[in-house]
């Protein structure tokens, strides 16, 4: 709520009825009025406060040019809002030119009332307006306090905090990182394209002198986030005019709530991670949405004349299949792999969005159109693999933002198809995974599930009923198609025992394992079954 000004006082009915006229310093009518005092004392100045408006008839004011100028100087020194004189008692048609000239020189607004006025009525009317303004400010402050206290107690995230700032201020609000990249924003009533244009460059030029600062060049209210010397970002509210105390309170309470959010998360870069996760999700859902693309650019992912490559990086885990033992370090391992991926991208100076998604680290790389995409990806993979045991899948490069989802999905499809124990190349691509790649793509298809069930259910049922492991025997046979001896050795079985179990498989399934069609069918079913058992829902 803006404070009451001299311009507002002139519009009060009780003042308007007295036919007011501004005779000096008319360009200072936007000065705030703290209170109105009526007096005839010429030495009143020491008793005034900054912003007080003096109302008088002038009957006791001194005579002479110098005395009137001294009186005006005393009011200016007290930072009075202005001087209002009623004509008819001391002066009839106007006030002395000496007083008018002194007030004009000092920038002290001088107003005269041509009609008789009730000073008590004016003081009451203006006083009520001032009190109403103060009460409105208090109500606003209480609303701000309650809003951000509730957000803090509910551990609200940045999105909810920004929405509250926009709702309370009615203006656009932006959360940026310490690198001046937009992490998130909530639009206001104006054109957001103009507001966000050249954001990083404009933000770098805005250097607040204090914790909260109004930047006149951009029309921004800027509040630093974090302790002095350890800033991790800034909150920016659109404010073309100088910020009001209420707006400054909103910004500072929002900053405190965001700090509390980081305290709850205990991860300094969680805001960047959250922003990247939301953007990658948006690109996978629909990469043609203009707002998603704009946010990607603001987050530091160039989109104009670029090539894009999707990556999926999955931590390798110990072979615990069949033991029933859980993998307790998956989360911590994923955190380490994420950090290694981000570090490798920074070392190679590659623009990217990176985030944890469904127990993988997923990324989309933005490369210059003539850059050797495969070479860059291989170098990144080498740096990541030097620190952690990982499986990395890369999608084919695409030249249009509308196809970013394709390269991201291909990368995930490839990494789903790679065997855990595969010791092949560091980076796997679609051409490397052959049949497993196709079956990984169809892993959730009901028709494939029915096929696997039809081929293998009888064998699984037999193993469960008799405590045998014929499925494992069949898998060994398929993994060593050229040598039954090698297959038996892989299971640490003698050849007669291995042959006996193969015969039992033929009996249970009612097939002959030397039939090429049967072997192909069972091989496909085993690969699909393995992928389905390891399959995690993916975008």
Protein backbone atom coordinates (compact mmCIF):
# COMPACT_ATOMS: atom_id res chain seq x y z
CA UNK A 1 0.00 0.00 0.00
CA UNK A 2 1.49 3.35 -1.07
CA UNK A 3 1.77 6.12 1.52
CA UNK A 4 -0.43 9.21 1.36
CA UNK A 5 1.13 12.05 -0.67
CA UNK A 6 0.52 15.79 -0.98
CA UNK A 7 -1.22 15.05 -4.27
CA UNK A 8 -3.61 12.77 -2.38
CA UNK A 9 -4.19 15.47 0.28
CA UNK A 10 -5.22 17.97 -2.42
CA UNK A 11 -7.88 15.47 -3.51
CA UNK A 12 -9.44 15.19 -0.03
CA UNK A 13 -12.95 16.79 -0.19
CA UNK A 14 -12.33 19.05 2.81
CA UNK A 15 -9.22 20.48 1.11
CA UNK A 16 -10.82 20.72 -2.34
CA UNK A 17 -13.69 22.75 -0.84
CA UNK A 18 -11.15 25.40 0.22
CA UNK A 19 -10.00 25.99 -3.39
CA UNK A 20 -6.34 24.96 -3.00
CA UNK A 21 -3.59 26.26 -5.28
CA UNK A 22 0.02 25.13 -5.53
CA UNK A 23 2.25 28.21 -5.78
CA UNK A 24 5.73 26.73 -5.22
CA UNK A 25 7.56 23.39 -5.71
CA UNK A 26 4.68 21.83 -7.62
CA UNK A 27 7.00 19.11 -8.84
CA UNK A 28 7.33 17.76 -5.29
CA UNK A 29 3.69 16.83 -4.73
CA UNK A 30 4.52 13.12 -4.51
CA UNK A 31 6.17 13.63 -1.14
CA UNK A 32 4.71 11.47 1.58
CA UNK A 33 2.57 13.01 4.31
CA UNK A 34 3.02 11.52 7.76
CA UNK A 35 0.59 13.82 9.63
CA UNK A 36 -1.06 17.28 9.49
CA UNK A 37 -0.46 19.95 12.17
CA UNK A 38 -2.22 23.32 12.57
CA UNK A 39 -0.21 26.06 14.28
CA UNK A 40 0.56 29.77 14.24
CA UNK A 41 3.95 29.47 15.92
CA UNK A 42 6.80 30.78 13.76
CA UNK A 43 9.36 28.56 15.53
CA UNK A 44 7.46 25.27 15.10
CA UNK A 45 10.15 23.56 13.01
CA UNK A 46 12.05 21.82 15.86
CA UNK A 47 8.79 20.14 16.92
CA UNK A 48 8.04 18.67 13.48
CA UNK A 49 8.89 15.22 12.19
CA UNK A 50 9.88 14.23 8.69
CA UNK A 51 6.81 14.14 6.48
CA UNK A 52 4.63 16.47 8.59
CA UNK A 53 2.37 18.92 6.73
CA UNK A 54 1.99 22.35 8.37
CA UNK A 55 -1.38 24.14 8.21
CA UNK A 56 -1.55 27.84 9.22
CA UNK A 57 -3.28 31.19 8.58
CA UNK A 58 0.10 32.99 8.73
CA UNK A 59 -1.03 35.60 11.28
CA UNK A 60 2.07 35.04 13.41
CA UNK A 61 4.60 34.56 10.68
CA UNK A 62 7.44 37.13 10.67
CA UNK A 63 7.63 40.16 8.39
CA UNK A 64 10.46 40.88 6.00
CA UNK A 65 12.10 38.98 3.22
CA UNK A 66 14.89 37.45 5.29
CA UNK A 67 12.60 36.33 8.13
CA UNK A 68 10.17 34.59 5.76
CA UNK A 69 13.04 32.87 3.96
CA UNK A 70 14.46 31.72 7.32
CA UNK A 71 11.05 30.32 8.24
CA UNK A 72 10.92 28.36 4.97
CA UNK A 73 14.47 27.08 5.51
CA UNK A 74 13.58 25.87 9.01
CA UNK A 75 10.70 23.79 7.62
CA UNK A 76 12.88 22.36 4.85
CA UNK A 77 15.57 21.46 7.40
CA UNK A 78 12.93 19.56 9.39
CA UNK A 79 12.02 17.69 6.16
CA UNK A 80 8.42 18.90 6.37
CA UNK A 81 6.12 17.57 3.65
CA UNK A 82 4.90 21.08 2.83
CA UNK A 83 3.31 24.34 3.99
CA UNK A 84 -0.42 25.09 3.53
CA UNK A 85 -1.63 28.68 4.22
CA UNK A 86 -5.25 29.82 4.41
CA UNK A 87 -5.75 33.30 2.87
CA UNK A 88 -7.97 36.00 4.36
CA UNK A 89 -6.45 36.63 7.79
CA UNK A 90 -2.81 37.60 7.14
CA UNK A 91 -2.75 37.78 3.35
CA UNK A 92 -5.77 38.20 1.06
CA UNK A 93 -5.04 37.28 -2.56
CA UNK A 94 -1.68 35.55 -2.37
CA UNK A 95 1.37 35.13 -0.16
CA UNK A 96 4.52 37.27 -0.36
CA UNK A 97 6.80 36.59 -3.28
CA UNK A 98 9.70 36.30 -0.84
CA UNK A 99 8.07 33.24 0.77
CA UNK A 100 7.06 31.74 -2.56
CA UNK A 101 10.56 32.18 -3.96
CA UNK A 102 12.24 30.68 -0.88
CA UNK A 103 9.92 27.62 -0.94
CA UNK A 104 10.54 27.13 -4.65
CA UNK A 105 14.30 27.29 -4.19
CA UNK A 106 14.19 24.83 -1.28
CA UNK A 107 11.80 22.41 -3.03
CA UNK A 108 9.28 22.86 -0.21
CA UNK A 109 5.72 22.63 -1.61
CA UNK A 110 3.70 25.78 -0.78
CA UNK A 111 -0.08 25.55 -1.06
CA UNK A 112 -2.63 28.31 -0.46
CA UNK A 113 -6.34 27.97 0.32
CA UNK A 114 -8.45 30.68 -1.29
CA UNK A 115 -11.53 29.92 0.83
CA UNK A 116 -11.99 29.68 4.54
CA UNK A 117 -11.44 26.16 5.75
CA UNK A 118 -12.06 24.22 8.92
CA UNK A 119 -8.59 23.15 10.00
CA UNK A 120 -10.09 20.57 12.34
CA UNK A 121 -12.05 19.02 9.46
CA UNK A 122 -8.97 18.90 7.24
CA UNK A 123 -6.84 17.36 10.00
CA UNK A 124 -9.52 14.77 10.72
CA UNK A 125 -10.08 13.86 7.06
CA UNK A 126 -6.39 13.58 6.22
CA UNK A 127 -5.66 11.86 9.54
CA UNK A 128 -8.31 9.23 8.85
CA UNK A 129 -6.79 8.58 5.45
CA UNK A 130 -3.33 8.20 6.99
CA UNK A 131 -4.64 5.86 9.68
CA UNK A 132 -6.52 3.84 7.08
CA UNK A 133 -3.32 3.56 5.04
CA UNK A 134 -1.37 2.47 8.11
CA UNK A 135 -4.01 -0.10 9.03
CA UNK A 136 -3.99 -1.43 5.47
CA UNK A 137 -0.20 -1.75 5.67
CA UNK A 138 -0.51 -3.64 8.93
CA UNK A 139 -3.13 -5.95 7.45
CA UNK A 140 -0.90 -6.52 4.43
CA UNK A 141 2.07 -7.21 6.68
CA UNK A 142 0.02 -9.68 8.70
CA UNK A 143 -1.13 -11.42 5.53
CA UNK A 144 2.46 -11.64 4.29
CA UNK A 145 3.61 -12.98 7.65
CA UNK A 146 0.86 -15.61 7.82
CA UNK A 147 1.41 -16.68 4.21
CA UNK A 148 5.14 -17.29 4.46
CA UNK A 149 4.94 -18.74 7.96
CA UNK A 150 2.47 -21.34 6.65
CA UNK A 151 4.71 -22.06 3.65
CA UNK A 152 7.72 -22.48 5.90
CA UNK A 153 5.95 -24.84 8.28
CA UNK A 154 4.66 -26.95 5.40
CA UNK A 155 8.19 -27.15 3.92
CA UNK A 156 6.88 -25.66 0.68
CA UNK A 157 9.10 -25.78 -2.37
CA UNK A 158 10.29 -22.90 -4.55
CA UNK A 159 7.32 -23.13 -6.90
CA UNK A 160 4.83 -22.54 -4.07
CA UNK A 161 6.93 -19.68 -2.69
CA UNK A 162 7.13 -17.96 -6.07
CA UNK A 163 3.38 -18.38 -6.57
CA UNK A 164 2.78 -16.73 -3.19
CA UNK A 165 5.04 -13.79 -4.12
CA UNK A 166 3.16 -13.31 -7.39
CA UNK A 167 -0.21 -13.55 -5.65
CA UNK A 168 0.71 -11.02 -2.98
CA UNK A 169 2.52 -8.57 -5.24
CA UNK A 170 0.60 -9.00 -8.48
CA UNK A 171 3.93 -8.91 -10.34
CA UNK A 172 6.15 -11.35 -12.21
CA UNK A 173 8.76 -13.07 -10.05
CA UNK A 174 11.93 -14.95 -11.02
CA UNK A 175 14.22 -17.25 -9.06
CA UNK A 176 17.75 -17.28 -10.49
CA UNK A 177 20.93 -19.17 -9.64
CA UNK A 178 24.23 -17.62 -8.60
CA UNK A 179 25.19 -17.89 -12.28
CA UNK A 180 22.23 -15.68 -13.19
CA UNK A 181 20.33 -18.49 -14.90
CA UNK A 182 16.57 -18.64 -14.41
CA UNK A 183 15.63 -21.62 -12.24
CA UNK A 184 11.91 -20.88 -12.21
CA UNK A 185 9.48 -18.03 -12.65
CA UNK A 186 5.81 -17.17 -12.28
CA UNK A 187 4.47 -14.73 -14.87
CA UNK A 188 2.77 -11.47 -14.02
CA UNK A 189 0.25 -9.43 -15.98
CA UNK A 190 2.82 -8.10 -18.47
CA UNK A 191 4.63 -9.66 -21.42
CA UNK A 192 6.98 -12.30 -20.02
CA UNK A 193 8.94 -12.58 -23.26
CA UNK A 194 10.08 -8.97 -22.93
CA UNK A 195 10.62 -9.33 -19.20
CA UNK A 196 12.90 -12.38 -19.62
CA UNK A 197 14.74 -11.25 -22.75
CA UNK A 198 18.57 -11.29 -22.36
CA UNK A 199 18.05 -12.22 -18.73
CA UNK A 200 21.52 -13.48 -17.90
CA UNK A 201 23.30 -10.45 -19.36
CA UNK A 202 20.94 -7.97 -17.70
CA UNK A 203 21.14 -9.76 -14.39
CA UNK A 204 24.94 -9.73 -14.38
CA UNK A 205 24.84 -5.94 -14.73
CA UNK A 206 22.49 -5.56 -11.76
CA UNK A 207 24.64 -5.37 -8.64
CA UNK A 208 22.61 -4.66 -5.50
CA UNK A 209 24.21 -2.47 -2.88
CA UNK A 210 22.48 -4.31 -0.05
CA UNK A 211 20.58 -7.47 0.68
CA UNK A 212 17.41 -6.06 -0.91
CA UNK A 213 17.77 -3.44 -3.59
CA UNK A 214 15.57 -1.75 -6.19
CA UNK A 215 17.30 -1.71 -9.57
CA UNK A 216 15.95 1.28 -11.49
CA UNK A 217 17.57 0.33 -14.81
CA UNK A 218 15.68 -2.96 -15.05
CA UNK A 219 12.71 -2.13 -12.83
CA UNK A 220 13.55 -5.07 -10.55
CA UNK A 221 13.39 -5.55 -6.80
CA UNK A 222 16.31 -7.89 -6.08
CA UNK A 223 16.81 -9.87 -2.89
CA UNK A 224 19.94 -11.95 -2.36
CA UNK A 225 19.48 -15.55 -1.23
CA UNK A 226 21.94 -16.97 1.25
CA UNK A 227 24.36 -15.57 3.78
CA UNK A 228 26.66 -12.67 2.74
CA UNK A 229 29.57 -14.04 0.74
CA UNK A 230 27.78 -17.36 0.23
CA UNK A 231 24.94 -16.32 -2.04
CA UNK A 232 23.36 -19.16 -3.98
CA UNK A 233 20.91 -17.11 -6.02
CA UNK A 234 18.57 -14.13 -6.12
CA UNK A 235 14.85 -13.48 -6.05
CA UNK A 236 13.70 -10.85 -8.55
CA UNK A 237 10.27 -9.19 -8.50
CA UNK A 238 9.14 -6.95 -11.35
CA UNK A 239 8.81 -3.43 -9.94
CA UNK A 240 8.92 -0.61 -12.52
CA UNK A 241 8.35 1.94 -9.74
CA UNK A 242 10.39 2.19 -6.51
CA UNK A 243 9.47 -0.71 -4.29
CA UNK A 244 7.00 -0.10 -1.47
CA UNK A 245 7.77 -1.30 2.06
CA UNK A 246 5.16 -4.02 1.64
CA UNK A 247 6.80 -5.32 -1.54
CA UNK A 248 10.19 -5.33 0.16
CA UNK A 249 8.70 -7.30 3.05
CA UNK A 250 7.22 -9.83 0.61
CA UNK A 251 10.56 -10.30 -1.12
CA UNK A 252 12.53 -10.67 2.10
CA UNK A 253 10.04 -13.09 3.70
CA UNK A 254 10.07 -15.14 0.50
CA UNK A 255 13.88 -15.25 0.62
CA UNK A 256 13.77 -16.47 4.21
CA UNK A 257 11.26 -19.18 3.29
CA UNK A 258 13.44 -20.34 0.40
CA UNK A 259 16.40 -20.51 2.76
CA UNK A 260 14.32 -22.68 5.10
CA UNK A 261 13.45 -24.91 2.16
CA UNK A 262 17.14 -25.44 1.41
CA UNK A 263 17.73 -26.19 5.07
CA UNK A 264 15.11 -28.91 4.87
CA UNK A 265 16.56 -30.32 1.65
CA UNK A 266 20.18 -30.03 2.81
CA UNK A 267 21.27 -30.09 -0.80
CA UNK A 268 22.65 -26.82 -2.12
CA UNK A 269 21.96 -27.55 -5.77
CA UNK A 270 18.51 -29.08 -5.22
CA UNK A 271 16.85 -26.12 -6.93
CA UNK A 272 18.87 -26.64 -10.09
CA UNK A 273 18.17 -30.37 -9.94
CA UNK A 274 14.47 -29.76 -9.48
CA UNK A 275 14.39 -27.33 -12.39
CA UNK A 276 16.29 -29.74 -14.66
CA UNK A 277 14.03 -32.63 -13.64
CA UNK A 278 10.90 -30.63 -14.46
CA UNK A 279 12.35 -29.54 -17.81
CA UNK A 280 13.41 -33.06 -18.81
CA UNK A 281 9.98 -34.34 -17.84
CA UNK A 282 8.41 -31.60 -19.94
CA UNK A 283 10.62 -32.43 -22.94
CA UNK A 284 9.71 -36.11 -22.69
CA UNK A 285 6.02 -35.23 -22.47
CA UNK A 286 5.88 -32.70 -25.31
CA UNK A 287 9.04 -30.97 -26.59
CA UNK A 288 7.02 -28.52 -28.69
CA UNK A 289 5.48 -26.57 -25.79
CA UNK A 290 6.82 -22.96 -26.13
CA UNK A 291 6.98 -22.35 -22.37
CA UNK A 292 9.09 -25.50 -21.82
CA UNK A 293 11.49 -24.46 -24.58
CA UNK A 294 11.77 -20.93 -23.18
CA UNK A 295 12.54 -22.32 -19.73
CA UNK A 296 15.20 -24.61 -21.19
CA UNK A 297 17.00 -21.65 -22.76
CA UNK A 298 16.75 -19.65 -19.57
CA UNK A 299 18.22 -22.61 -17.67
CA UNK A 300 21.28 -22.52 -19.93
CA UNK A 301 20.38 -25.02 -22.69
CA UNK A 302 20.86 -23.34 -26.10
CA UNK A 303 18.21 -24.37 -28.62
CA UNK A 304 18.89 -22.32 -31.77
CA UNK A 305 20.96 -24.09 -34.47
CA UNK A 306 21.96 -26.96 -32.18
CA UNK A 307 22.09 -30.76 -32.18
CA UNK A 308 20.74 -32.69 -29.22
CA UNK A 309 21.85 -36.03 -27.78
CA UNK A 310 20.06 -37.94 -25.04
CA UNK A 311 22.05 -39.86 -22.41
CA UNK A 312 21.09 -42.41 -19.78
CA UNK A 313 23.70 -43.30 -17.17
CA UNK A 314 22.95 -46.23 -14.89
CA UNK A 315 25.15 -47.31 -11.95
CA UNK A 316 26.24 -50.94 -12.17
CA UNK A 317 25.34 -53.04 -9.12
CA UNK A 318 26.66 -56.28 -7.75
CA UNK A 319 25.03 -59.42 -9.19
CA UNK A 320 22.47 -60.19 -6.53
CA UNK A 321 19.99 -61.97 -8.81
CA UNK A 322 18.30 -64.86 -7.11
CA UNK A 323 19.58 -64.06 -3.64
CA UNK A 324 16.69 -61.93 -2.50
CA UNK A 325 19.18 -59.36 -1.26
CA UNK A 326 18.26 -55.75 -1.84
CA UNK A 327 20.70 -53.18 -3.25
CA UNK A 328 21.05 -50.74 -0.32
CA UNK A 329 23.49 -48.35 -2.01
CA UNK A 330 21.55 -47.58 -5.18
CA UNK A 331 20.51 -44.11 -3.99
CA UNK A 332 23.93 -43.06 -2.73
CA UNK A 333 25.52 -44.52 -5.87
CA UNK A 334 23.14 -42.55 -8.04
CA UNK A 335 24.05 -39.34 -6.21
CA UNK A 336 27.73 -39.98 -6.91
CA UNK A 337 27.09 -40.77 -10.57
CA UNK A 338 25.01 -37.61 -10.93
CA UNK A 339 27.83 -35.53 -9.45
CA UNK A 340 30.37 -37.21 -11.76
CA UNK A 341 28.16 -36.56 -14.80
CA UNK A 342 27.72 -32.88 -13.94
CA UNK A 343 31.47 -32.57 -13.30
CA UNK A 344 32.32 -34.19 -16.65
CA UNK A 345 29.93 -31.87 -18.50
CA UNK A 346 31.50 -28.82 -16.86
CA UNK A 347 35.01 -30.05 -17.68
CA UNK A 348 34.04 -30.49 -21.32
CA UNK A 349 32.06 -27.23 -21.34
CA UNK A 350 28.97 -29.00 -22.70
CA UNK A 351 25.58 -27.37 -22.18
CA UNK A 352 23.08 -29.87 -20.81
CA UNK A 353 20.10 -30.55 -18.58
CA UNK A 354 20.88 -33.32 -16.06
CA UNK A 355 18.69 -35.02 -13.47
CA UNK A 356 17.97 -38.24 -11.63
CA UNK A 357 14.98 -39.99 -13.18
CA UNK A 358 13.76 -43.48 -12.27
CA UNK A 359 17.10 -44.54 -10.74
CA UNK A 360 19.08 -43.38 -13.77
CA UNK A 361 20.95 -40.17 -14.46
CA UNK A 362 19.40 -38.74 -17.63
CA UNK A 363 20.66 -35.83 -19.67
CA UNK A 364 20.08 -34.00 -22.90
CA UNK A 365 23.19 -32.41 -24.44
CA UNK A 366 23.06 -29.31 -26.65
CA UNK A 367 25.92 -29.28 -29.16
CA UNK A 368 26.95 -26.96 -32.04
CA UNK A 369 25.69 -28.30 -35.39
CA UNK A 370 29.19 -29.14 -36.63
CA UNK A 371 30.43 -30.70 -33.38
CA UNK A 372 31.42 -34.42 -33.46
CA UNK A 373 28.58 -35.70 -31.29
CA UNK A 374 29.83 -39.29 -30.91
CA UNK A 375 33.34 -38.16 -29.95
CA UNK A 376 32.01 -35.71 -27.34
CA UNK A 377 29.73 -38.36 -25.84
CA UNK A 378 32.58 -40.90 -25.74
CA UNK A 379 34.86 -38.42 -23.93
CA UNK A 380 32.16 -37.66 -21.40
CA UNK A 381 31.56 -41.36 -20.87
CA UNK A 382 35.27 -41.99 -20.29
CA UNK A 383 35.37 -39.31 -17.59
CA UNK A 384 32.29 -40.71 -15.85
CA UNK A 385 33.46 -44.33 -16.15
CA UNK A 386 36.85 -43.37 -14.71
CA UNK A 387 35.08 -42.61 -11.43
CA UNK A 388 32.21 -45.14 -11.34
CA UNK A 389 31.10 -48.45 -12.81
CA UNK A 390 28.24 -47.42 -15.06
CA UNK A 391 26.27 -48.43 -18.10
CA UNK A 392 25.76 -45.53 -20.52
CA UNK A 393 23.24 -45.39 -23.34
CA UNK A 394 23.23 -42.68 -26.00
CA UNK A 395 20.42 -41.77 -28.35
CA UNK A 396 20.97 -40.74 -31.94
CA UNK A 397 21.62 -36.99 -32.41
CA UNK A 398 18.60 -34.93 -33.52
CA UNK A 399 18.56 -31.50 -35.12
CA UNK A 400 15.15 -30.23 -33.99
CA UNK A 401 13.78 -29.48 -30.53
CA UNK A 402 10.58 -31.31 -31.48
CA UNK A 403 12.60 -34.56 -31.58
CA UNK A 404 14.46 -34.22 -28.28
CA UNK A 405 12.09 -36.72 -26.69
CA UNK A 406 13.15 -39.33 -29.28
CA UNK A 407 16.86 -39.20 -28.45
CA UNK A 408 16.07 -39.28 -24.70
CA UNK A 409 13.84 -42.33 -25.11
CA UNK A 410 16.40 -44.10 -27.31
CA UNK A 411 19.09 -43.59 -24.67
CA UNK A 412 16.86 -45.13 -22.02
CA UNK A 413 15.87 -47.99 -24.35
CA UNK A 414 19.54 -48.77 -25.01
CA UNK A 415 20.57 -48.79 -21.37
CA UNK A 416 17.58 -51.00 -20.52
CA UNK A 417 18.79 -53.51 -23.11
CA UNK A 418 22.40 -53.79 -21.90
CA UNK A 419 23.22 -56.76 -19.69
CA UNK A 420 24.42 -55.94 -16.19
CA UNK A 421 27.51 -58.10 -16.73
CA UNK A 422 28.22 -56.71 -20.21
CA UNK A 423 31.88 -55.65 -20.44
CA UNK A 424 31.59 -54.15 -23.92
CA UNK A 425 32.07 -50.51 -24.88
CA UNK A 426 31.53 -47.74 -22.34
CA UNK A 427 28.81 -46.13 -24.46
CA UNK A 428 26.10 -48.27 -25.98
CA UNK A 429 24.02 -47.06 -28.90
CA UNK A 430 20.96 -48.39 -30.64
CA UNK A 431 23.07 -50.26 -33.21
CA UNK A 432 24.83 -52.17 -30.39
CA UNK A 433 21.85 -53.80 -28.70
CA UNK A 434 20.21 -55.66 -31.61
CA UNK A 435 17.41 -58.00 -30.45
CA UNK A 436 17.71 -56.90 -26.83
CA UNK A 437 17.13 -53.32 -27.96
CA UNK A 438 13.89 -54.24 -29.70
CA UNK A 439 12.68 -56.32 -26.76
CA UNK A 440 13.59 -53.55 -24.30
CA UNK A 441 11.43 -51.18 -26.31
CA UNK A 442 8.52 -53.70 -26.12
CA UNK A 443 9.14 -54.70 -22.49
CA UNK A 444 5.78 -53.41 -21.29
CA UNK A 445 3.76 -54.70 -24.24
CA UNK A 446 0.99 -57.13 -23.20
CA UNK A 447 1.50 -59.25 -26.32
CA UNK A 448 5.15 -59.81 -25.48
CA UNK A 449 4.22 -60.67 -21.89
CA UNK A 450 1.75 -63.29 -23.16
CA UNK A 451 4.41 -64.73 -25.44
CA UNK A 452 6.91 -65.07 -22.59
CA UNK A 453 4.25 -66.60 -20.38
CA UNK A 454 3.29 -69.14 -23.05
CA UNK A 455 6.90 -70.19 -23.63
CA UNK A 456 8.25 -70.31 -20.06
CA UNK A 457 5.42 -70.58 -17.51
CA UNK A 458 5.48 -74.40 -17.52
CA UNK A 459 9.20 -74.40 -16.83
CA UNK A 460 8.89 -71.90 -13.99
CA UNK A 461 6.03 -73.90 -12.46
CA UNK A 462 8.09 -77.09 -12.59
CA UNK A 463 11.07 -75.40 -10.92
CA UNK A 464 8.87 -74.02 -8.15
CA UNK A 465 7.14 -77.37 -7.51
CA UNK A 466 10.26 -79.55 -7.59
CA UNK A 467 12.89 -77.14 -6.35
CA UNK A 468 14.90 -77.38 -9.57
CA UNK A 469 16.49 -74.70 -11.77
CA UNK A 470 15.66 -75.72 -15.31
CA UNK A 471 15.19 -72.10 -16.44
CA UNK A 472 18.79 -71.41 -15.49
CA UNK A 473 19.91 -74.49 -17.44
CA UNK A 474 17.97 -73.37 -20.50
CA UNK A 475 19.51 -69.88 -20.27
CA UNK A 476 23.02 -71.38 -20.14
CA UNK A 477 22.27 -73.39 -23.27
CA UNK A 478 21.12 -70.27 -25.11
CA UNK A 479 24.15 -68.28 -23.95
CA UNK A 480 26.48 -70.98 -25.33
CA UNK A 481 24.73 -72.06 -28.53
CA UNK A 482 27.85 -73.63 -30.05
CA UNK A 483 28.91 -75.87 -27.18
CA UNK A 484 26.88 -77.82 -24.65
CA UNK A 485 30.11 -78.55 -22.82
CA UNK A 486 30.72 -74.83 -22.28
CA UNK A 487 27.13 -74.42 -21.12
CA UNK A 488 27.55 -77.25 -18.59
CA UNK A 489 30.84 -75.80 -17.37
CA UNK A 490 29.21 -72.39 -16.87
CA UNK A 491 26.82 -74.07 -14.41
CA UNK A 492 29.54 -76.24 -12.85
CA UNK A 493 27.64 -79.36 -13.93
CA UNK A 494 28.94 -82.57 -15.43
CA UNK A 495 27.92 -83.20 -19.02
CA UNK A 496 25.71 -86.21 -18.20
CA UNK A 497 23.87 -84.20 -15.55
CA UNK A 498 23.49 -81.28 -17.95
CA UNK A 499 22.16 -83.54 -20.73
CA UNK A 500 19.68 -85.11 -18.31
CA UNK A 501 18.31 -81.71 -17.40
CA UNK A 502 18.00 -80.74 -21.06
CA UNK A 503 15.93 -83.87 -21.60
CA UNK A 504 13.73 -82.91 -18.66
CA UNK A 505 13.23 -79.44 -20.21
CA UNK A 506 12.09 -81.06 -23.45
CA UNK A 507 9.66 -83.22 -21.50
CA UNK A 508 8.20 -80.33 -19.48
CA UNK A 509 7.80 -78.05 -22.50
CA UNK A 510 6.88 -80.75 -25.00
CA UNK A 511 9.45 -79.55 -27.54
CA UNK A 512 12.76 -80.62 -29.09
CA UNK A 513 15.66 -78.28 -28.30
CA UNK A 514 17.46 -79.14 -31.53
CA UNK A 515 14.58 -77.61 -33.51
CA UNK A 516 15.87 -74.18 -34.79
CA UNK A 517 12.45 -72.52 -34.52
CA UNK A 518 12.04 -73.75 -30.94
CA UNK A 519 15.49 -72.51 -29.96
CA UNK A 520 14.86 -69.07 -31.49
CA UNK A 521 11.49 -68.84 -29.76
CA UNK A 522 12.90 -69.84 -26.37
CA UNK A 523 15.89 -67.51 -26.78
CA UNK A 524 13.61 -64.54 -27.48
CA UNK A 525 11.39 -65.51 -24.54
CA UNK A 526 14.38 -65.73 -22.16
CA UNK A 527 15.76 -62.34 -23.23
CA UNK A 528 12.32 -60.72 -22.95
CA UNK A 529 11.79 -62.36 -19.54
CA UNK A 530 15.12 -61.03 -18.28
CA UNK A 531 14.30 -57.51 -19.48
CA UNK A 532 10.81 -57.63 -17.97
CA UNK A 533 12.14 -58.72 -14.60
CA UNK A 534 14.67 -55.85 -14.62
CA UNK A 535 12.28 -53.42 -16.31
CA UNK A 536 11.45 -50.20 -14.53
CA UNK A 537 8.73 -47.89 -15.89
CA UNK A 538 10.37 -45.28 -18.06
CA UNK A 539 9.32 -42.31 -20.12
